[in-house]
Amino acid sequence: MSGEHITIGVVSISDRASEGTYEDQGIPALKDWLGKALSSPWSVESRLIPDERPLIESTLVELADRAGCALILTTGGTGPSPRDVTPEATLAVGDKEMPGFGEEMRRISLNFVPTAILSRQVAVIRGNSLIVNLPGQPKSIRETLEGVRDADGSVRHVGIFAAIPYCIDLIGGPYIETDETVIKAFRPKSAIRAK
């Protein structure tokens, strides 16, 4: 393994999964993808919570400010229904909005489903933490993080995770590296460290 250790917050936001009506798929999907994508050492702080804005806000604050998560990934709660309040909670706790992440996730998902336009995912910086709202379905999580590939496996549309390691560098977080067969982290030449 190379790179520095990163603690990643993973938050699945779902009324039904949090009350046990069905099994949460978001946290396992995120852990599985991170296990394949990261070549740096990492650990996870996971939370499964209902669609309650005050609880979402306090969970994000706790993971950023007390658990020391340089990256926090949420899944669920970003649609147009009345209970979908993840973007509002995320924006409320952020210091800076990072609109490119939401724009790009919607653009990637539109390769697959026209309803991607209904997604309201956002990303923010809070202190030394990057918080990104991801879609709720495991397939969509992978596609937005990793990108879109052609039948031969070549990347047609780069996923958002390509920009995340450098963003974390810029906000004072650990230097993380990826398995380039899954997702190649992009950094300007001046920001790349020798292995």
C-alpha atoms as a PDB file:
ATOM      1  CA  MET A   1       0.000   0.000   0.000  1.00  0.00           C
ATOM      2  CA  SER A   2       1.100   3.531  -0.729  1.00  0.00           C
ATOM      3  CA  GLY A   3      -0.126   6.946   0.312  1.00  0.00           C
ATOM      4  CA  GLU A   4      -1.321   8.111   3.700  1.00  0.00           C
ATOM      5  CA  HIS A   5      -4.113   6.655   5.831  1.00  0.00           C
ATOM      6  CA  ILE A   6      -7.543   8.184   5.306  1.00  0.00           C
ATOM      7  CA  THR A   7     -10.647   7.879   7.456  1.00  0.00           C
ATOM      8  CA  ILE A   8     -13.778   7.908   5.316  1.00  0.00           C
ATOM      9  CA  GLY A   9     -17.269   8.563   6.627  1.00  0.00           C
ATOM     10  CA  VAL A  10     -19.985   6.531   4.910  1.00  0.00           C
ATOM     11  CA  VAL A  11     -23.589   7.552   5.651  1.00  0.00           C
ATOM     12  CA  SER A  12     -26.632   5.722   4.310  1.00  0.00           C
ATOM     13  CA  ILE A  13     -29.747   7.852   4.657  1.00  0.00           C
ATOM     14  CA  SER A  14     -32.964   5.838   4.491  1.00  0.00           C
ATOM     15  CA  ASP A  15     -36.085   5.722   6.644  1.00  0.00           C
ATOM     16  CA  ARG A  16     -36.866   2.116   5.720  1.00  0.00           C
ATOM     17  CA  ALA A  17     -33.343   0.701   5.993  1.00  0.00           C
ATOM     18  CA  SER A  18     -32.691   2.479   9.302  1.00  0.00           C
ATOM     19  CA  GLU A  19     -35.861   0.989  10.807  1.00  0.00           C
ATOM     20  CA  GLY A  20     -35.039  -2.473   9.447  1.00  0.00           C
ATOM     21  CA  THR A  21     -37.818  -2.685   6.812  1.00  0.00           C
ATOM     22  CA  TYR A  22     -35.194  -3.704   4.275  1.00  0.00           C
ATOM     23  CA  GLU A  23     -31.460  -4.305   4.294  1.00  0.00           C
ATOM     24  CA  ASP A  24     -29.254  -1.309   3.593  1.00  0.00           C
ATOM     25  CA  GLN A  25     -27.313  -1.669   0.343  1.00  0.00           C
ATOM     26  CA  GLY A  26     -25.550   1.689   0.329  1.00  0.00           C
ATOM     27  CA  ILE A  27     -22.892   1.088   2.997  1.00  0.00           C
ATOM     28  CA  PRO A  28     -21.870  -2.365   1.675  1.00  0.00           C
ATOM     29  CA  ALA A  29     -21.701  -0.991  -1.902  1.00  0.00           C
ATOM     30  CA  LEU A  30     -19.499   1.927  -0.838  1.00  0.00           C
ATOM     31  CA  LYS A  31     -17.162  -0.243   1.258  1.00  0.00           C
ATOM     32  CA  ASP A  32     -16.849  -2.738  -1.598  1.00  0.00           C
ATOM     33  CA  TRP A  33     -16.024  -0.023  -4.140  1.00  0.00           C
ATOM     34  CA  LEU A  34     -13.546   1.750  -1.861  1.00  0.00           C
ATOM     35  CA  GLY A  35     -11.829  -1.592  -1.199  1.00  0.00           C
ATOM     36  CA  LYS A  36     -11.227  -1.991  -4.926  1.00  0.00           C
ATOM     37  CA  ALA A  37     -10.421   1.640  -5.730  1.00  0.00           C
ATOM     38  CA  LEU A  38      -8.044   2.732  -2.968  1.00  0.00           C
ATOM     39  CA  SER A  39      -4.420   1.644  -2.832  1.00  0.00           C
ATOM     40  CA  SER A  40      -3.803   3.838   0.242  1.00  0.00           C
ATOM     41  CA  PRO A  41      -4.619   2.484   3.706  1.00  0.00           C
ATOM     42  CA  TRP A  42      -8.115   3.468   4.802  1.00  0.00           C
ATOM     43  CA  SER A  43     -10.703   2.913   7.490  1.00  0.00           C
ATOM     44  CA  VAL A  44     -14.393   3.667   7.550  1.00  0.00           C
ATOM     45  CA  GLU A  45     -16.836   5.262   9.984  1.00  0.00           C
ATOM     46  CA  SER A  46     -20.302   4.129   8.886  1.00  0.00           C
ATOM     47  CA  ARG A  47     -23.715   5.420   9.935  1.00  0.00           C
ATOM     48  CA  LEU A  48     -27.224   4.281   8.944  1.00  0.00           C
ATOM     49  CA  ILE A  49     -29.771   6.991   9.699  1.00  0.00           C
ATOM     50  CA  PRO A  50     -33.328   8.032   8.726  1.00  0.00           C
ATOM     51  CA  ASP A  51     -34.234  10.971   6.479  1.00  0.00           C
ATOM     52  CA  GLU A  52     -34.311  13.502   9.323  1.00  0.00           C
ATOM     53  CA  ARG A  53     -32.558  16.765   8.507  1.00  0.00           C
ATOM     54  CA  PRO A  54     -31.314  17.595  12.056  1.00  0.00           C
ATOM     55  CA  LEU A  55     -29.890  14.054  12.397  1.00  0.00           C
ATOM     56  CA  ILE A  56     -28.229  14.203   8.970  1.00  0.00           C
ATOM     57  CA  GLU A  57     -26.649  17.544   9.863  1.00  0.00           C
ATOM     58  CA  SER A  58     -25.402  16.370  13.272  1.00  0.00           C
ATOM     59  CA  THR A  59     -24.026  13.145  11.757  1.00  0.00           C
ATOM     60  CA  LEU A  60     -22.073  15.027   9.088  1.00  0.00           C
ATOM     61  CA  VAL A  61     -20.713  17.464  11.695  1.00  0.00           C
ATOM     62  CA  GLU A  62     -19.687  14.594  13.986  1.00  0.00           C
ATOM     63  CA  LEU A  63     -17.876  12.728  11.188  1.00  0.00           C
ATOM     64  CA  ALA A  64     -16.093  15.861   9.946  1.00  0.00           C
ATOM     65  CA  ASP A  65     -15.262  17.584  13.222  1.00  0.00           C
ATOM     66  CA  ARG A  66     -14.839  14.746  15.726  1.00  0.00           C
ATOM     67  CA  ALA A  67     -14.206  11.500  13.824  1.00  0.00           C
ATOM     68  CA  GLY A  68     -11.654  13.227  11.561  1.00  0.00           C
ATOM     69  CA  CYS A  69     -13.051  11.991   8.254  1.00  0.00           C
ATOM     70  CA  ALA A  70     -11.281  13.723   5.354  1.00  0.00           C
ATOM     71  CA  LEU A  71     -13.939  12.333   3.007  1.00  0.00           C
ATOM     72  CA  ILE A  72     -17.621  11.731   3.796  1.00  0.00           C
ATOM     73  CA  LEU A  73     -19.826   9.964   1.258  1.00  0.00           C
ATOM     74  CA  THR A  74     -23.584   9.906   1.735  1.00  0.00           C
ATOM     75  CA  THR A  75     -26.032   7.744  -0.172  1.00  0.00           C
ATOM     76  CA  GLY A  76     -29.781   8.263  -0.441  1.00  0.00           C
ATOM     77  CA  GLY A  77     -32.223  11.094   0.152  1.00  0.00           C
ATOM     78  CA  THR A  78     -31.394  13.278  -2.859  1.00  0.00           C
ATOM     79  CA  GLY A  79     -34.597  13.018  -4.916  1.00  0.00           C
ATOM     80  CA  PRO A  80     -37.610  15.356  -5.119  1.00  0.00           C
ATOM     81  CA  SER A  81     -39.883  13.637  -2.584  1.00  0.00           C
ATOM     82  CA  PRO A  82     -40.769  15.504   0.633  1.00  0.00           C
ATOM     83  CA  ARG A  83     -38.576  13.218   2.802  1.00  0.00           C
ATOM     84  CA  ASP A  84     -35.481  13.754   0.591  1.00  0.00           C
ATOM     85  CA  VAL A  85     -33.543  16.356   2.595  1.00  0.00           C
ATOM     86  CA  THR A  86     -29.925  15.196   2.278  1.00  0.00           C
ATOM     87  CA  PRO A  87     -28.839  18.102   0.002  1.00  0.00           C
ATOM     88  CA  GLU A  88     -30.373  20.705   2.328  1.00  0.00           C
ATOM     89  CA  ALA A  89     -28.643  19.153   5.353  1.00  0.00           C
ATOM     90  CA  THR A  90     -25.326  18.958   3.496  1.00  0.00           C
ATOM     91  CA  LEU A  91     -25.457  22.570   2.327  1.00  0.00           C
ATOM     92  CA  ALA A  92     -26.363  23.695   5.849  1.00  0.00           C
ATOM     93  CA  VAL A  93     -23.152  22.270   7.357  1.00  0.00           C
ATOM     94  CA  GLY A  94     -20.768  23.191   4.531  1.00  0.00           C
ATOM     95  CA  ASP A  95     -18.336  26.107   4.407  1.00  0.00           C
ATOM     96  CA  LYS A  96     -18.036  26.012   0.589  1.00  0.00           C
ATOM     97  CA  GLU A  97     -20.212  24.407  -2.057  1.00  0.00           C
ATOM     98  CA  MET A  98     -18.452  22.336  -4.757  1.00  0.00           C
ATOM     99  CA  PRO A  99     -21.101  22.383  -7.525  1.00  0.00           C
ATOM    100  CA  GLY A 100     -19.033  20.498 -10.101  1.00  0.00           C
ATOM    101  CA  PHE A 101     -19.553  17.201  -8.274  1.00  0.00           C
ATOM    102  CA  GLY A 102     -23.357  17.333  -8.449  1.00  0.00           C
ATOM    103  CA  GLU A 103     -23.310  18.507 -12.047  1.00  0.00           C
ATOM    104  CA  GLU A 104     -20.997  15.689 -13.090  1.00  0.00           C
ATOM    105  CA  MET A 105     -22.886  12.966 -11.198  1.00  0.00           C
ATOM    106  CA  ARG A 106     -26.082  13.935 -12.983  1.00  0.00           C
ATOM    107  CA  ARG A 107     -24.287  14.008 -16.337  1.00  0.00           C
ATOM    108  CA  ILE A 108     -22.836  10.510 -15.740  1.00  0.00           C
ATOM    109  CA  SER A 109     -26.190   9.083 -14.622  1.00  0.00           C
ATOM    110  CA  LEU A 110     -27.959  10.562 -17.657  1.00  0.00           C
ATOM    111  CA  ASN A 111     -25.996   8.030 -19.739  1.00  0.00           C
ATOM    112  CA  PHE A 112     -28.226   5.394 -18.119  1.00  0.00           C
ATOM    113  CA  VAL A 113     -31.563   6.869 -17.034  1.00  0.00           C
ATOM    114  CA  PRO A 114     -33.486  10.038 -17.978  1.00  0.00           C
ATOM    115  CA  THR A 115     -34.672  10.381 -14.360  1.00  0.00           C
ATOM    116  CA  ALA A 116     -31.103  11.296 -13.315  1.00  0.00           C
ATOM    117  CA  ILE A 117     -32.232  14.870 -13.910  1.00  0.00           C
ATOM    118  CA  LEU A 118     -34.361  14.525 -10.739  1.00  0.00           C
ATOM    119  CA  SER A 119     -31.303  14.003  -8.547  1.00  0.00           C
ATOM    120  CA  ARG A 120     -30.245  16.927  -6.340  1.00  0.00           C
ATOM    121  CA  GLN A 121     -26.843  15.681  -5.148  1.00  0.00           C
ATOM    122  CA  VAL A 122     -24.442  18.308  -3.837  1.00  0.00           C
ATOM    123  CA  ALA A 123     -20.908  18.403  -2.427  1.00  0.00           C
ATOM    124  CA  VAL A 124     -19.388  20.744   0.132  1.00  0.00           C
ATOM    125  CA  ILE A 125     -16.188  21.421   2.020  1.00  0.00           C
ATOM    126  CA  ARG A 126     -16.450  21.582   5.806  1.00  0.00           C
ATOM    127  CA  GLY A 127     -13.099  22.445   7.376  1.00  0.00           C
ATOM    128  CA  ASN A 128     -10.714  19.690   6.222  1.00  0.00           C
ATOM    129  CA  SER A 129     -13.511  17.405   5.007  1.00  0.00           C
ATOM    130  CA  LEU A 130     -15.059  16.887   1.591  1.00  0.00           C
ATOM    131  CA  ILE A 131     -18.711  15.773   1.826  1.00  0.00           C
ATOM    132  CA  VAL A 132     -20.299  14.287  -1.309  1.00  0.00           C
ATOM    133  CA  ASN A 133     -23.919  13.136  -1.760  1.00  0.00           C
ATOM    134  CA  LEU A 134     -24.038  10.004  -3.920  1.00  0.00           C
ATOM    135  CA  PRO A 135     -27.038   8.244  -5.487  1.00  0.00           C
ATOM    136  CA  GLY A 136     -28.856   5.532  -3.555  1.00  0.00           C
ATOM    137  CA  GLN A 137     -28.517   2.489  -5.837  1.00  0.00           C
ATOM    138  CA  PRO A 138     -25.280   0.426  -5.708  1.00  0.00           C
ATOM    139  CA  LYS A 139     -24.981   0.382  -9.535  1.00  0.00           C
ATOM    140  CA  SER A 140     -25.394   4.184  -9.670  1.00  0.00           C
ATOM    141  CA  ILE A 141     -22.891   4.671  -6.834  1.00  0.00           C
ATOM    142  CA  ARG A 142     -20.263   2.721  -8.780  1.00  0.00           C
ATOM    143  CA  GLU A 143     -21.014   4.507 -12.056  1.00  0.00           C
ATOM    144  CA  THR A 144     -20.770   8.003 -10.604  1.00  0.00           C
ATOM    145  CA  LEU A 145     -17.557   7.252  -8.690  1.00  0.00           C
ATOM    146  CA  GLU A 146     -15.841   5.187 -11.375  1.00  0.00           C
ATOM    147  CA  GLY A 147     -17.308   6.518 -14.632  1.00  0.00           C
ATOM    148  CA  VAL A 148     -18.741   4.995 -17.777  1.00  0.00           C
ATOM    149  CA  ARG A 149     -16.857   2.319 -19.708  1.00  0.00           C
ATOM    150  CA  ASP A 150     -17.272   1.048 -23.249  1.00  0.00           C
ATOM    151  CA  ALA A 151     -17.735  -2.680 -23.945  1.00  0.00           C
ATOM    152  CA  ASP A 152     -13.954  -3.099 -24.255  1.00  0.00           C
ATOM    153  CA  GLY A 153     -13.443  -1.639 -20.761  1.00  0.00           C
ATOM    154  CA  SER A 154     -12.015   1.695 -21.906  1.00  0.00           C
ATOM    155  CA  VAL A 155     -13.233   4.729 -19.974  1.00  0.00           C
ATOM    156  CA  ARG A 156     -15.716   6.822 -21.962  1.00  0.00           C
ATOM    157  CA  HIS A 157     -16.692   9.213 -19.159  1.00  0.00           C
ATOM    158  CA  VAL A 158     -14.428   9.670 -16.120  1.00  0.00           C
ATOM    159  CA  GLY A 159     -16.077   9.277 -12.705  1.00  0.00           C
ATOM    160  CA  ILE A 160     -16.036  11.923  -9.994  1.00  0.00           C
ATOM    161  CA  PHE A 161     -13.561  10.049  -7.778  1.00  0.00           C
ATOM    162  CA  ALA A 162     -10.769  11.016 -10.212  1.00  0.00           C
ATOM    163  CA  ALA A 163     -10.877  14.537  -8.719  1.00  0.00           C
ATOM    164  CA  ILE A 164     -11.394  13.609  -5.055  1.00  0.00           C
ATOM    165  CA  PRO A 165      -7.787  12.826  -3.985  1.00  0.00           C
ATOM    166  CA  TYR A 166      -6.504  16.187  -5.282  1.00  0.00           C
ATOM    167  CA  CYS A 167      -9.426  18.021  -3.680  1.00  0.00           C
ATOM    168  CA  ILE A 168      -8.503  16.390  -0.370  1.00  0.00           C
ATOM    169  CA  ASP A 169      -4.863  17.485  -0.900  1.00  0.00           C
ATOM    170  CA  LEU A 170      -6.016  21.081  -1.390  1.00  0.00           C
ATOM    171  CA  ILE A 171      -8.020  21.168   1.855  1.00  0.00           C
ATOM    172  CA  GLY A 172      -5.172  19.756   3.961  1.00  0.00           C
ATOM    173  CA  GLY A 173      -6.138  16.092   4.040  1.00  0.00           C
ATOM    174  CA  PRO A 174      -4.036  12.960   3.555  1.00  0.00           C
ATOM    175  CA  TYR A 175      -2.379  12.104   0.234  1.00  0.00           C
ATOM    176  CA  ILE A 176      -4.389   9.167  -1.092  1.00  0.00           C
ATOM    177  CA  GLU A 177      -3.699   6.966  -4.071  1.00  0.00           C
ATOM    178  CA  THR A 178      -5.942   4.763  -6.172  1.00  0.00           C
ATOM    179  CA  ASP A 179      -5.789   1.539  -8.146  1.00  0.00           C
ATOM    180  CA  GLU A 180      -5.600   2.960 -11.666  1.00  0.00           C
ATOM    181  CA  THR A 181      -7.419  -0.051 -13.144  1.00  0.00           C
ATOM    182  CA  VAL A 182     -10.513   1.092 -11.207  1.00  0.00           C
ATOM    183  CA  ILE A 183     -10.136   4.892 -11.218  1.00  0.00           C
ATOM    184  CA  LYS A 184      -7.060   6.982 -11.961  1.00  0.00           C
ATOM    185  CA  ALA A 185      -6.664   9.884  -9.552  1.00  0.00           C
ATOM    186  CA  PHE A 186      -5.858  13.086 -11.423  1.00  0.00           C
ATOM    187  CA  ARG A 187      -3.368  15.573 -10.017  1.00  0.00           C
ATOM    188  CA  PRO A 188      -1.366  18.294 -11.766  1.00  0.00           C
ATOM    189  CA  LYS A 189       2.246  17.159 -12.312  1.00  0.00           C
ATOM    190  CA  SER A 190       3.439  19.551  -9.577  1.00  0.00           C
ATOM    191  CA  ALA A 191       1.167  17.827  -7.014  1.00  0.00           C
ATOM    192  CA  ILE A 192       2.215  14.207  -7.709  1.00  0.00           C
ATOM    193  CA  ARG A 193       4.494  12.666  -5.068  1.00  0.00           C
ATOM    194  CA  ALA A 194       7.171  10.148  -5.972  1.00  0.00           C
ATOM    195  CA  LYS A 195       6.260   6.600  -4.956  1.00  0.00           C
END
